[in-house]
Amino acid sequence: MRGLEWLRSASAQELKPVYVIYGDDVYLRREAVRAVVRAALPEPDEVGASRFEGAAAKLADVVDELYTLPFFSKRRVVIIDDADPFVTSHRKELESYFESPSATGHLVLVVKSWPGNTRLAKLLVKSGLAVDCSTPTEADLIPWLTARAAKLDSKLEPDAAKLLLELVGLELGVLAAELDKLSISTAGSGKILRADVARLVEAGRIETIWKVLDAATEGKGAMAAKLLDDLIASGEHPVPLLAGMTYSLLKVHHAGRLRSARLSLADACRTAGIAPFAFDRTAKQHAHLGPARVDQLPALLLKADLDIKGGSLLDPRVVLETLLVQLSQPRRD
């Protein structure tokens, strides 16, 4: 079951003897583990929960914990973090345990991957639950952000949610922290607007950097120069500005290379780490720059980086302006 979906109803579901929590999102894995502990051990101090590190955990100790009832709780939860080596070393024993688990102990295995075609995975279907904590999609995160904001007594406007995702990315932990900050800052109105996100999220300045790049990579050199002037006038230093531009333009380069290898726009952008709502923008950038300039982006960015850090007598601001001029010129291929 997908992590966000399961978390919405975890407290109302029947407890399972075994949980396998897997996937690459650290925040989601942590919240899933907490949900199991809260459901099994309602005591605030979580009496009855034990944790082991997978590389060091001994099978006998884990089994003892699962079958030993604590003094102050009716249940016990045994969590094995980074449990991949533990599963590999004790697969046969775990298969036997999955077939006949403890009646009062709940085993939580936190692993990086969980192939569904193994005998262990098939046994889990009968005795427990696998929770997929892979990084959610944008389509999953917008309703999650909206619901989380509602719990904080805030209404998150749809365009504000989209900007927050664009600025922060698909990192749940960072999104949660930024949403908490936004809800506190807008407590007076009870609404979180797009302008609030642009103003209050630390990454808000990146939106302006993106506007600079959008203008330059769509042939609007004068607008790009004006936006750059505004950023520098507000106190931004050219070195971090170039770093922000490099972060975005290397994704454009990566997606361009993948498209030249016959991947579709959507597949190329996803692989390059570009959010779905930026696919159209990336297509426009590719159309303006052309394949040759897209290929040259790493070299252009490296030269600008060296120049801005002392490799040229030009003022750092002029180095950035030169880069924008190179990006804004019409394509020749």
C-alpha atoms as a PDB file:
ATOM      1  CA  MET A   1       0.000   0.000   0.000  1.00  0.00           C
ATOM      2  CA  ARG A   2       1.220   3.492  -0.812  1.00  0.00           C
ATOM      3  CA  GLY A   3       2.586   5.321   2.220  1.00  0.00           C
ATOM      4  CA  LEU A   4       0.488   8.491   2.103  1.00  0.00           C
ATOM      5  CA  GLU A   5      -2.697   6.513   1.501  1.00  0.00           C
ATOM      6  CA  TRP A   6      -1.985   4.199   4.419  1.00  0.00           C
ATOM      7  CA  LEU A   7      -1.094   7.033   6.811  1.00  0.00           C
ATOM      8  CA  ARG A   8      -4.480   8.670   6.234  1.00  0.00           C
ATOM      9  CA  SER A   9      -6.264   5.663   7.727  1.00  0.00           C
ATOM     10  CA  ALA A  10      -3.559   3.894   9.753  1.00  0.00           C
ATOM     11  CA  SER A  11      -5.164   4.604  13.142  1.00  0.00           C
ATOM     12  CA  ALA A  12      -8.466   3.057  12.025  1.00  0.00           C
ATOM     13  CA  GLN A  13      -6.991  -0.117  10.543  1.00  0.00           C
ATOM     14  CA  GLU A  14      -6.563  -3.443  12.283  1.00  0.00           C
ATOM     15  CA  LEU A  15      -3.061  -3.913  13.678  1.00  0.00           C
ATOM     16  CA  LYS A  16      -0.869  -6.408  11.850  1.00  0.00           C
ATOM     17  CA  PRO A  17       1.749  -8.695  13.429  1.00  0.00           C
ATOM     18  CA  VAL A  18       4.345  -7.663  10.829  1.00  0.00           C
ATOM     19  CA  TYR A  19       4.973  -4.443   8.902  1.00  0.00           C
ATOM     20  CA  VAL A  20       7.536  -3.943   6.169  1.00  0.00           C
ATOM     21  CA  ILE A  21       8.215  -0.263   5.493  1.00  0.00           C
ATOM     22  CA  TYR A  22      10.263   0.325   2.368  1.00  0.00           C
ATOM     23  CA  GLY A  23      11.117   3.082  -0.108  1.00  0.00           C
ATOM     24  CA  ASP A  24      13.433   6.060  -0.542  1.00  0.00           C
ATOM     25  CA  ASP A  25      11.547   8.819   1.305  1.00  0.00           C
ATOM     26  CA  VAL A  26      13.109   9.113   4.773  1.00  0.00           C
ATOM     27  CA  TYR A  27      10.338  11.336   6.169  1.00  0.00           C
ATOM     28  CA  LEU A  28       7.584   9.019   4.956  1.00  0.00           C
ATOM     29  CA  ARG A  29       9.337   5.950   6.388  1.00  0.00           C
ATOM     30  CA  ARG A  30       9.719   7.681   9.742  1.00  0.00           C
ATOM     31  CA  GLU A  31       6.053   8.714   9.818  1.00  0.00           C
ATOM     32  CA  ALA A  32       4.972   5.180   8.915  1.00  0.00           C
ATOM     33  CA  VAL A  33       7.007   3.724  11.782  1.00  0.00           C
ATOM     34  CA  ARG A  34       5.536   6.298  14.167  1.00  0.00           C
ATOM     35  CA  ALA A  35       2.026   5.414  13.002  1.00  0.00           C
ATOM     36  CA  VAL A  36       2.571   1.741  13.855  1.00  0.00           C
ATOM     37  CA  VAL A  37       3.974   2.626  17.290  1.00  0.00           C
ATOM     38  CA  ARG A  38       1.106   5.033  18.051  1.00  0.00           C
ATOM     39  CA  ALA A  39      -1.497   2.447  17.033  1.00  0.00           C
ATOM     40  CA  ALA A  40       0.056  -0.362  19.058  1.00  0.00           C
ATOM     41  CA  LEU A  41       1.282   1.658  22.036  1.00  0.00           C
ATOM     42  CA  PRO A  42      -0.992   4.593  22.829  1.00  0.00           C
ATOM     43  CA  GLU A  43       1.100   5.536  25.875  1.00  0.00           C
ATOM     44  CA  PRO A  44       2.804   8.903  25.292  1.00  0.00           C
ATOM     45  CA  ASP A  45       6.234   7.583  26.270  1.00  0.00           C
ATOM     46  CA  GLU A  46       5.899   4.611  23.883  1.00  0.00           C
ATOM     47  CA  VAL A  47       6.712   2.045  26.558  1.00  0.00           C
ATOM     48  CA  GLY A  48       7.142  -1.302  24.853  1.00  0.00           C
ATOM     49  CA  ALA A  49       8.978  -0.167  21.724  1.00  0.00           C
ATOM     50  CA  SER A  50      12.457  -1.528  21.004  1.00  0.00           C
ATOM     51  CA  ARG A  51      14.821  -0.630  18.145  1.00  0.00           C
ATOM     52  CA  PHE A  52      17.652  -2.551  16.539  1.00  0.00           C
ATOM     53  CA  GLU A  53      20.118  -1.709  13.776  1.00  0.00           C
ATOM     54  CA  GLY A  54      19.823  -4.239  10.962  1.00  0.00           C
ATOM     55  CA  ALA A  55      23.561  -4.827  10.539  1.00  0.00           C
ATOM     56  CA  ALA A  56      24.049  -5.580  14.242  1.00  0.00           C
ATOM     57  CA  ALA A  57      20.707  -7.126  15.234  1.00  0.00           C
ATOM     58  CA  LYS A  58      20.797 -10.697  16.483  1.00  0.00           C
ATOM     59  CA  LEU A  59      17.877 -12.953  15.654  1.00  0.00           C
ATOM     60  CA  ALA A  60      17.628 -14.361  19.178  1.00  0.00           C
ATOM     61  CA  ASP A  61      17.390 -10.873  20.717  1.00  0.00           C
ATOM     62  CA  VAL A  62      14.714  -9.820  18.252  1.00  0.00           C
ATOM     63  CA  VAL A  63      12.615 -12.931  18.865  1.00  0.00           C
ATOM     64  CA  ASP A  64      12.950 -12.538  22.641  1.00  0.00           C
ATOM     65  CA  GLU A  65      11.671  -8.972  22.407  1.00  0.00           C
ATOM     66  CA  LEU A  66       8.711 -10.015  20.262  1.00  0.00           C
ATOM     67  CA  TYR A  67       7.562 -12.721  22.670  1.00  0.00           C
ATOM     68  CA  THR A  68       8.305 -10.890  25.952  1.00  0.00           C
ATOM     69  CA  LEU A  69       5.343  -8.873  27.172  1.00  0.00           C
ATOM     70  CA  PRO A  70       6.342  -5.549  28.773  1.00  0.00           C
ATOM     71  CA  PHE A  71       5.167  -4.636  32.272  1.00  0.00           C
ATOM     72  CA  PHE A  72       3.232  -1.507  31.366  1.00  0.00           C
ATOM     73  CA  SER A  73       1.729  -2.398  28.000  1.00  0.00           C
ATOM     74  CA  LYS A  74      -0.349  -5.132  26.393  1.00  0.00           C
ATOM     75  CA  ARG A  75       1.787  -5.089  23.264  1.00  0.00           C
ATOM     76  CA  ARG A  76       5.369  -4.761  22.164  1.00  0.00           C
ATOM     77  CA  VAL A  77       6.768  -3.220  18.971  1.00  0.00           C
ATOM     78  CA  VAL A  78      10.175  -4.272  17.677  1.00  0.00           C
ATOM     79  CA  ILE A  79      11.645  -2.009  14.997  1.00  0.00           C
ATOM     80  CA  ILE A  80      14.657  -3.011  12.913  1.00  0.00           C
ATOM     81  CA  ASP A  81      16.133  -0.022  11.081  1.00  0.00           C
ATOM     82  CA  ASP A  82      18.107  -0.542   7.861  1.00  0.00           C
ATOM     83  CA  ALA A  83      16.945  -4.142   8.020  1.00  0.00           C
ATOM     84  CA  ASP A  84      18.136  -5.262   4.558  1.00  0.00           C
ATOM     85  CA  PRO A  85      21.157  -7.215   5.892  1.00  0.00           C
ATOM     86  CA  PHE A  86      19.020  -8.697   8.668  1.00  0.00           C
ATOM     87  CA  VAL A  87      16.453  -9.940   6.132  1.00  0.00           C
ATOM     88  CA  THR A  88      19.194 -11.374   3.920  1.00  0.00           C
ATOM     89  CA  SER A  89      20.864 -13.206   6.806  1.00  0.00           C
ATOM     90  CA  HIS A  90      17.680 -14.589   8.368  1.00  0.00           C
ATOM     91  CA  ARG A  91      15.305 -15.071   5.446  1.00  0.00           C
ATOM     92  CA  LYS A  92      14.410 -18.671   6.353  1.00  0.00           C
ATOM     93  CA  GLU A  93      13.787 -17.823  10.002  1.00  0.00           C
ATOM     94  CA  LEU A  94      11.665 -14.832   9.021  1.00  0.00           C
ATOM     95  CA  GLU A  95       9.612 -17.017   6.696  1.00  0.00           C
ATOM     96  CA  SER A  96       8.842 -19.266   9.662  1.00  0.00           C
ATOM     97  CA  TYR A  97       8.011 -16.273  11.845  1.00  0.00           C
ATOM     98  CA  PHE A  98       5.705 -14.756   9.205  1.00  0.00           C
ATOM     99  CA  GLU A  99       3.779 -18.045   9.155  1.00  0.00           C
ATOM    100  CA  SER A 100       3.305 -18.007  12.935  1.00  0.00           C
ATOM    101  CA  PRO A 101       3.977 -14.544  14.395  1.00  0.00           C
ATOM    102  CA  SER A 102       3.727 -13.463  18.029  1.00  0.00           C
ATOM    103  CA  ALA A 103       0.235 -12.693  19.286  1.00  0.00           C
ATOM    104  CA  THR A 104       1.376  -9.636  21.262  1.00  0.00           C
ATOM    105  CA  GLY A 105       4.500  -8.462  19.418  1.00  0.00           C
ATOM    106  CA  HIS A 106       4.588  -6.376  16.250  1.00  0.00           C
ATOM    107  CA  LEU A 107       7.674  -6.616  14.043  1.00  0.00           C
ATOM    108  CA  VAL A 108       8.543  -3.581  11.903  1.00  0.00           C
ATOM    109  CA  LEU A 109      11.198  -4.095   9.226  1.00  0.00           C
ATOM    110  CA  VAL A 110      12.473  -0.869   7.647  1.00  0.00           C
ATOM    111  CA  VAL A 111      14.179  -1.754   4.356  1.00  0.00           C
ATOM    112  CA  LYS A 112      15.267  -0.001   1.191  1.00  0.00           C
ATOM    113  CA  SER A 113      13.544  -2.411  -1.188  1.00  0.00           C
ATOM    114  CA  TRP A 114      10.947  -5.159  -0.957  1.00  0.00           C
ATOM    115  CA  PRO A 115      10.620  -7.323  -4.095  1.00  0.00           C
ATOM    116  CA  GLY A 116       7.119  -8.744  -4.272  1.00  0.00           C
ATOM    117  CA  ASN A 117       8.094 -12.014  -5.960  1.00  0.00           C
ATOM    118  CA  THR A 118       9.919 -13.594  -2.989  1.00  0.00           C
ATOM    119  CA  ARG A 119       8.383 -16.231  -0.726  1.00  0.00           C
ATOM    120  CA  LEU A 120       8.852 -13.863   2.223  1.00  0.00           C
ATOM    121  CA  ALA A 121       6.840 -11.133   0.468  1.00  0.00           C
ATOM    122  CA  LYS A 122       4.066 -13.595  -0.383  1.00  0.00           C
ATOM    123  CA  LEU A 123       3.887 -14.789   3.221  1.00  0.00           C
ATOM    124  CA  LEU A 124       3.633 -11.181   4.395  1.00  0.00           C
ATOM    125  CA  VAL A 125       0.352 -10.781   2.502  1.00  0.00           C
ATOM    126  CA  LYS A 126      -1.251 -13.180   5.015  1.00  0.00           C
ATOM    127  CA  SER A 127       0.424 -12.010   8.207  1.00  0.00           C
ATOM    128  CA  GLY A 128       1.173  -8.337   7.714  1.00  0.00           C
ATOM    129  CA  LEU A 129       1.408  -5.315   5.467  1.00  0.00           C
ATOM    130  CA  ALA A 130       4.025  -3.786   3.168  1.00  0.00           C
ATOM    131  CA  VAL A 131       3.959   0.032   3.162  1.00  0.00           C
ATOM    132  CA  ASP A 132       5.512   1.648   0.085  1.00  0.00           C
ATOM    133  CA  CYS A 133       7.313   4.825   1.167  1.00  0.00           C
ATOM    134  CA  SER A 134       8.757   5.722  -2.213  1.00  0.00           C
ATOM    135  CA  THR A 135       8.795   9.420  -3.093  1.00  0.00           C
ATOM    136  CA  PRO A 136       5.184  10.379  -3.895  1.00  0.00           C
ATOM    137  CA  THR A 137       4.114  12.013  -7.122  1.00  0.00           C
ATOM    138  CA  GLU A 138       2.903  15.597  -7.460  1.00  0.00           C
ATOM    139  CA  ALA A 139      -0.646  14.259  -7.847  1.00  0.00           C
ATOM    140  CA  ASP A 140      -0.311  12.557  -4.436  1.00  0.00           C
ATOM    141  CA  LEU A 141       1.321  15.508  -2.702  1.00  0.00           C
ATOM    142  CA  ILE A 142      -1.122  18.298  -3.525  1.00  0.00           C
ATOM    143  CA  PRO A 143      -4.043  16.665  -1.629  1.00  0.00           C
ATOM    144  CA  TRP A 144      -1.623  15.710   1.161  1.00  0.00           C
ATOM    145  CA  LEU A 145      -0.461  19.313   1.487  1.00  0.00           C
ATOM    146  CA  THR A 146      -4.056  20.555   1.450  1.00  0.00           C
ATOM    147  CA  ALA A 147      -5.113  18.087   4.153  1.00  0.00           C
ATOM    148  CA  ARG A 148      -2.057  18.844   6.295  1.00  0.00           C
ATOM    149  CA  ALA A 149      -2.746  22.583   6.028  1.00  0.00           C
ATOM    150  CA  ALA A 150      -6.356  21.988   7.116  1.00  0.00           C
ATOM    151  CA  LYS A 151      -5.102  20.223  10.259  1.00  0.00           C
ATOM    152  CA  LEU A 152      -3.098  23.389  10.943  1.00  0.00           C
ATOM    153  CA  ASP A 153      -6.297  25.482  10.556  1.00  0.00           C
ATOM    154  CA  SER A 154      -5.097  26.906   7.241  1.00  0.00           C
ATOM    155  CA  LYS A 155      -6.518  26.776   3.742  1.00  0.00           C
ATOM    156  CA  LEU A 156      -3.814  26.150   1.164  1.00  0.00           C
ATOM    157  CA  GLU A 157      -4.807  27.595  -2.211  1.00  0.00           C
ATOM    158  CA  PRO A 158      -4.168  25.280  -5.205  1.00  0.00           C
ATOM    159  CA  ASP A 159      -1.747  27.632  -6.956  1.00  0.00           C
ATOM    160  CA  ALA A 160       0.124  28.099  -3.667  1.00  0.00           C
ATOM    161  CA  ALA A 161       0.473  24.318  -3.320  1.00  0.00           C
ATOM    162  CA  LYS A 162       1.868  24.059  -6.848  1.00  0.00           C
ATOM    163  CA  LEU A 163       4.414  26.819  -6.237  1.00  0.00           C
ATOM    164  CA  LEU A 164       5.473  25.232  -2.955  1.00  0.00           C
ATOM    165  CA  LEU A 165       6.134  21.955  -4.777  1.00  0.00           C
ATOM    166  CA  GLU A 166       7.995  23.741  -7.543  1.00  0.00           C
ATOM    167  CA  LEU A 167      10.234  25.599  -5.120  1.00  0.00           C
ATOM    168  CA  VAL A 168      10.886  22.829  -2.610  1.00  0.00           C
ATOM    169  CA  GLY A 169      10.557  19.707  -4.747  1.00  0.00           C
ATOM    170  CA  LEU A 170       9.076  16.366  -3.711  1.00  0.00           C
ATOM    171  CA  GLU A 171      10.805  16.214  -0.314  1.00  0.00           C
ATOM    172  CA  LEU A 172       8.082  15.525   2.259  1.00  0.00           C
ATOM    173  CA  GLY A 173      10.162  16.524   5.268  1.00  0.00           C
ATOM    174  CA  VAL A 174      11.032  19.926   3.798  1.00  0.00           C
ATOM    175  CA  LEU A 175       7.467  20.425   2.550  1.00  0.00           C
ATOM    176  CA  ALA A 176       6.075  19.688   6.007  1.00  0.00           C
ATOM    177  CA  ALA A 177       8.485  22.136   7.655  1.00  0.00           C
ATOM    178  CA  GLU A 178       7.746  24.901   5.146  1.00  0.00           C
ATOM    179  CA  LEU A 179       3.990  24.347   5.472  1.00  0.00           C
ATOM    180  CA  ASP A 180       4.214  24.600   9.254  1.00  0.00           C
ATOM    181  CA  LYS A 181       6.057  27.902   8.872  1.00  0.00           C
ATOM    182  CA  LEU A 182       3.530  29.200   6.357  1.00  0.00           C
ATOM    183  CA  SER A 183       0.562  28.310   8.551  1.00  0.00           C
ATOM    184  CA  ILE A 184       2.058  30.196  11.501  1.00  0.00           C
ATOM    185  CA  SER A 185       2.922  33.234   9.397  1.00  0.00           C
ATOM    186  CA  THR A 186      -0.566  33.447   7.848  1.00  0.00           C
ATOM    187  CA  ALA A 187      -2.540  32.574  10.992  1.00  0.00           C
ATOM    188  CA  GLY A 188      -4.340  35.910  10.886  1.00  0.00           C
ATOM    189  CA  SER A 189      -6.016  35.242   7.543  1.00  0.00           C
ATOM    190  CA  GLY A 190      -6.249  31.459   7.729  1.00  0.00           C
ATOM    191  CA  LYS A 191      -5.285  31.251   4.043  1.00  0.00           C
ATOM    192  CA  ILE A 192      -1.981  30.458   2.385  1.00  0.00           C
ATOM    193  CA  LEU A 193      -1.756  32.237  -0.968  1.00  0.00           C
ATOM    194  CA  ARG A 194       0.762  31.919  -3.784  1.00  0.00           C
ATOM    195  CA  ALA A 195       2.207  35.305  -2.780  1.00  0.00           C
ATOM    196  CA  ASP A 196       2.752  34.006   0.757  1.00  0.00           C
ATOM    197  CA  VAL A 197       4.731  31.039  -0.559  1.00  0.00           C
ATOM    198  CA  ALA A 198       6.848  33.244  -2.812  1.00  0.00           C
ATOM    199  CA  ARG A 199       7.518  35.644   0.061  1.00  0.00           C
ATOM    200  CA  LEU A 200       8.006  33.300   3.002  1.00  0.00           C
ATOM    201  CA  VAL A 201       9.530  30.099   1.692  1.00  0.00           C
ATOM    202  CA  GLU A 202      13.322  30.322   1.819  1.00  0.00           C
ATOM    203  CA  ALA A 203      13.457  29.058  -1.714  1.00  0.00           C
ATOM    204  CA  GLY A 204      11.276  31.964  -2.791  1.00  0.00           C
ATOM    205  CA  ARG A 205      14.194  33.726  -4.387  1.00  0.00           C
ATOM    206  CA  ILE A 206      14.612  30.684  -6.653  1.00  0.00           C
ATOM    207  CA  GLU A 207      11.303  31.595  -8.262  1.00  0.00           C
ATOM    208  CA  THR A 208      12.879  34.865  -9.401  1.00  0.00           C
ATOM    209  CA  ILE A 209      15.979  33.005 -10.596  1.00  0.00           C
ATOM    210  CA  TRP A 210      13.682  30.756 -12.626  1.00  0.00           C
ATOM    211  CA  LYS A 211      12.017  33.828 -14.083  1.00  0.00           C
ATOM    212  CA  VAL A 212      15.452  35.083 -15.145  1.00  0.00           C
ATOM    213  CA  LEU A 213      16.207  31.749 -16.801  1.00  0.00           C
ATOM    214  CA  ASP A 214      12.755  31.510 -18.379  1.00  0.00           C
ATOM    215  CA  ALA A 215      13.209  34.932 -19.947  1.00  0.00           C
ATOM    216  CA  ALA A 216      16.740  34.184 -21.180  1.00  0.00           C
ATOM    217  CA  THR A 217      15.955  30.708 -22.533  1.00  0.00           C
ATOM    218  CA  GLU A 218      12.901  31.994 -24.370  1.00  0.00           C
ATOM    219  CA  GLY A 219      14.825  34.791 -26.117  1.00  0.00           C
ATOM    220  CA  LYS A 220      13.806  37.679 -23.838  1.00  0.00           C
ATOM    221  CA  GLY A 221      17.267  38.992 -23.043  1.00  0.00           C
ATOM    222  CA  ALA A 222      16.224  42.474 -21.897  1.00  0.00           C
ATOM    223  CA  MET A 223      13.700  41.074 -19.433  1.00  0.00           C
ATOM    224  CA  ALA A 224      16.280  38.602 -18.108  1.00  0.00           C
ATOM    225  CA  ALA A 225      18.786  41.430 -17.545  1.00  0.00           C
ATOM    226  CA  LYS A 226      16.159  43.520 -15.726  1.00  0.00           C
ATOM    227  CA  LEU A 227      15.228  40.638 -13.409  1.00  0.00           C
ATOM    228  CA  LEU A 228      18.909  39.980 -12.732  1.00  0.00           C
ATOM    229  CA  ASP A 229      19.393  43.652 -11.816  1.00  0.00           C
ATOM    230  CA  ASP A 230      16.478  43.400  -9.383  1.00  0.00           C
ATOM    231  CA  LEU A 231      17.994  40.333  -7.698  1.00  0.00           C
ATOM    232  CA  ILE A 232      21.413  41.925  -7.300  1.00  0.00           C
ATOM    233  CA  ALA A 233      19.849  45.175  -6.083  1.00  0.00           C
ATOM    234  CA  SER A 234      17.997  43.207  -3.388  1.00  0.00           C
ATOM    235  CA  GLY A 235      21.338  42.006  -2.017  1.00  0.00           C
ATOM    236  CA  GLU A 236      21.827  38.698  -3.824  1.00  0.00           C
ATOM    237  CA  HIS A 237      25.461  37.815  -4.610  1.00  0.00           C
ATOM    238  CA  PRO A 238      26.354  36.565  -8.113  1.00  0.00           C
ATOM    239  CA  VAL A 239      27.994  33.339  -6.863  1.00  0.00           C
ATOM    240  CA  PRO A 240      24.854  31.802  -5.263  1.00  0.00           C
ATOM    241  CA  LEU A 241      22.778  33.168  -8.147  1.00  0.00           C
ATOM    242  CA  LEU A 242      24.929  31.254 -10.615  1.00  0.00           C
ATOM    243  CA  ALA A 243      24.634  28.152  -8.408  1.00  0.00           C
ATOM    244  CA  GLY A 244      20.847  28.377  -8.603  1.00  0.00           C
ATOM    245  CA  MET A 245      20.933  28.841 -12.357  1.00  0.00           C
ATOM    246  CA  THR A 246      23.322  25.917 -12.741  1.00  0.00           C
ATOM    247  CA  TYR A 247      21.050  23.629 -10.720  1.00  0.00           C
ATOM    248  CA  SER A 248      18.126  24.316 -13.067  1.00  0.00           C
ATOM    249  CA  LEU A 249      20.035  24.437 -16.358  1.00  0.00           C
ATOM    250  CA  LEU A 250      21.805  21.127 -15.787  1.00  0.00           C
ATOM    251  CA  LYS A 251      18.377  19.497 -15.502  1.00  0.00           C
ATOM    252  CA  VAL A 252      17.441  21.139 -18.819  1.00  0.00           C
ATOM    253  CA  HIS A 253      20.656  19.721 -20.302  1.00  0.00           C
ATOM    254  CA  HIS A 254      20.007  16.240 -18.909  1.00  0.00           C
ATOM    255  CA  ALA A 255      16.444  16.185 -20.250  1.00  0.00           C
ATOM    256  CA  GLY A 256      17.691  17.410 -23.634  1.00  0.00           C
ATOM    257  CA  ARG A 257      20.231  14.622 -23.890  1.00  0.00           C
ATOM    258  CA  LEU A 258      17.567  12.070 -23.044  1.00  0.00           C
ATOM    259  CA  ARG A 259      15.213  13.504 -25.654  1.00  0.00           C
ATOM    260  CA  SER A 260      17.980  13.225 -28.244  1.00  0.00           C
ATOM    261  CA  ALA A 261      18.105   9.518 -27.316  1.00  0.00           C
ATOM    262  CA  ARG A 262      14.431   9.272 -28.362  1.00  0.00           C
ATOM    263  CA  LEU A 263      12.809   9.488 -24.946  1.00  0.00           C
ATOM    264  CA  SER A 264       9.511  11.335 -24.789  1.00  0.00           C
ATOM    265  CA  LEU A 265       9.426  14.796 -23.225  1.00  0.00           C
ATOM    266  CA  ALA A 266       7.633  13.496 -20.118  1.00  0.00           C
ATOM    267  CA  ASP A 267       9.990  10.538 -19.601  1.00  0.00           C
ATOM    268  CA  ALA A 268      13.071  12.689 -20.190  1.00  0.00           C
ATOM    269  CA  CYS A 269      11.908  15.348 -17.722  1.00  0.00           C
ATOM    270  CA  ARG A 270      10.967  12.831 -15.052  1.00  0.00           C
ATOM    271  CA  THR A 271      14.331  11.088 -15.327  1.00  0.00           C
ATOM    272  CA  ALA A 272      16.122  14.439 -15.125  1.00  0.00           C
ATOM    273  CA  GLY A 273      14.252  15.328 -11.930  1.00  0.00           C
ATOM    274  CA  ILE A 274      11.989  17.982 -13.456  1.00  0.00           C
ATOM    275  CA  ALA A 275       8.531  18.289 -11.894  1.00  0.00           C
ATOM    276  CA  PRO A 276       5.502  17.598 -14.152  1.00  0.00           C
ATOM    277  CA  PHE A 277       4.248  21.178 -14.015  1.00  0.00           C
ATOM    278  CA  ALA A 278       7.569  22.306 -15.574  1.00  0.00           C
ATOM    279  CA  PHE A 279       7.433  19.955 -18.576  1.00  0.00           C
ATOM    280  CA  ASP A 280       5.966  22.595 -20.913  1.00  0.00           C
ATOM    281  CA  ARG A 281       8.505  25.171 -19.778  1.00  0.00           C
ATOM    282  CA  THR A 282      11.332  22.725 -20.470  1.00  0.00           C
ATOM    283  CA  ALA A 283       9.951  22.060 -23.962  1.00  0.00           C
ATOM    284  CA  LYS A 284       9.978  25.819 -24.671  1.00  0.00           C
ATOM    285  CA  GLN A 285      13.549  26.084 -23.394  1.00  0.00           C
ATOM    286  CA  HIS A 286      14.673  23.221 -25.631  1.00  0.00           C
ATOM    287  CA  ALA A 287      12.908  24.782 -28.607  1.00  0.00           C
ATOM    288  CA  HIS A 288      14.630  28.132 -28.098  1.00  0.00           C
ATOM    289  CA  LEU A 289      18.114  26.849 -27.254  1.00  0.00           C
ATOM    290  CA  GLY A 290      18.281  24.089 -29.853  1.00  0.00           C
ATOM    291  CA  PRO A 291      20.136  20.768 -29.449  1.00  0.00           C
ATOM    292  CA  ALA A 292      23.629  22.215 -29.900  1.00  0.00           C
ATOM    293  CA  ARG A 293      23.282  24.827 -27.162  1.00  0.00           C
ATOM    294  CA  VAL A 294      21.555  22.353 -24.842  1.00  0.00           C
ATOM    295  CA  ASP A 295      24.617  20.101 -25.255  1.00  0.00           C
ATOM    296  CA  GLN A 296      26.919  23.062 -24.523  1.00  0.00           C
ATOM    297  CA  LEU A 297      25.188  24.092 -21.270  1.00  0.00           C
ATOM    298  CA  PRO A 298      27.635  22.304 -18.901  1.00  0.00           C
ATOM    299  CA  ALA A 299      30.600  23.946 -20.656  1.00  0.00           C
ATOM    300  CA  LEU A 300      28.965  27.398 -20.595  1.00  0.00           C
ATOM    301  CA  LEU A 301      28.133  27.034 -16.906  1.00  0.00           C
ATOM    302  CA  LEU A 302      31.628  25.794 -16.020  1.00  0.00           C
ATOM    303  CA  LYS A 303      33.244  28.753 -17.788  1.00  0.00           C
ATOM    304  CA  ALA A 304      30.921  31.189 -16.002  1.00  0.00           C
ATOM    305  CA  ASP A 305      31.725  29.522 -12.666  1.00  0.00           C
ATOM    306  CA  LEU A 306      35.472  29.799 -13.214  1.00  0.00           C
ATOM    307  CA  ASP A 307      35.189  33.410 -14.419  1.00  0.00           C
ATOM    308  CA  ILE A 308      32.987  34.489 -11.526  1.00  0.00           C
ATOM    309  CA  LYS A 309      35.414  32.987  -8.998  1.00  0.00           C
ATOM    310  CA  GLY A 310      38.462  34.901 -10.243  1.00  0.00           C
ATOM    311  CA  GLY A 311      39.262  33.386 -13.598  1.00  0.00           C
ATOM    312  CA  SER A 312      38.347  36.608 -15.369  1.00  0.00           C
ATOM    313  CA  LEU A 313      38.910  40.319 -14.798  1.00  0.00           C
ATOM    314  CA  LEU A 314      35.234  40.924 -15.571  1.00  0.00           C
ATOM    315  CA  ASP A 315      32.917  41.943 -12.758  1.00  0.00           C
ATOM    316  CA  PRO A 316      30.860  38.897 -11.550  1.00  0.00           C
ATOM    317  CA  ARG A 317      27.692  40.719 -12.521  1.00  0.00           C
ATOM    318  CA  VAL A 318      28.997  41.106 -16.075  1.00  0.00           C
ATOM    319  CA  VAL A 319      29.811  37.386 -16.164  1.00  0.00           C
ATOM    320  CA  LEU A 320      26.188  36.575 -15.352  1.00  0.00           C
ATOM    321  CA  GLU A 321      24.916  39.063 -17.912  1.00  0.00           C
ATOM    322  CA  THR A 322      27.178  37.510 -20.560  1.00  0.00           C
ATOM    323  CA  LEU A 323      25.761  34.076 -19.775  1.00  0.00           C
ATOM    324  CA  LEU A 324      22.210  35.380 -20.114  1.00  0.00           C
ATOM    325  CA  VAL A 325      23.045  36.972 -23.463  1.00  0.00           C
ATOM    326  CA  GLN A 326      24.439  33.646 -24.700  1.00  0.00           C
ATOM    327  CA  LEU A 327      21.229  31.894 -23.615  1.00  0.00           C
ATOM    328  CA  SER A 328      18.867  34.492 -25.042  1.00  0.00           C
ATOM    329  CA  GLN A 329      20.307  34.658 -28.574  1.00  0.00           C
ATOM    330  CA  PRO A 330      18.259  32.952 -31.318  1.00  0.00           C
ATOM    331  CA  ARG A 331      19.147  29.353 -32.062  1.00  0.00           C
ATOM    332  CA  ARG A 332      21.279  28.602 -35.116  1.00  0.00           C
ATOM    333  CA  ASP A 333      20.625  24.913 -35.609  1.00  0.00           C
END
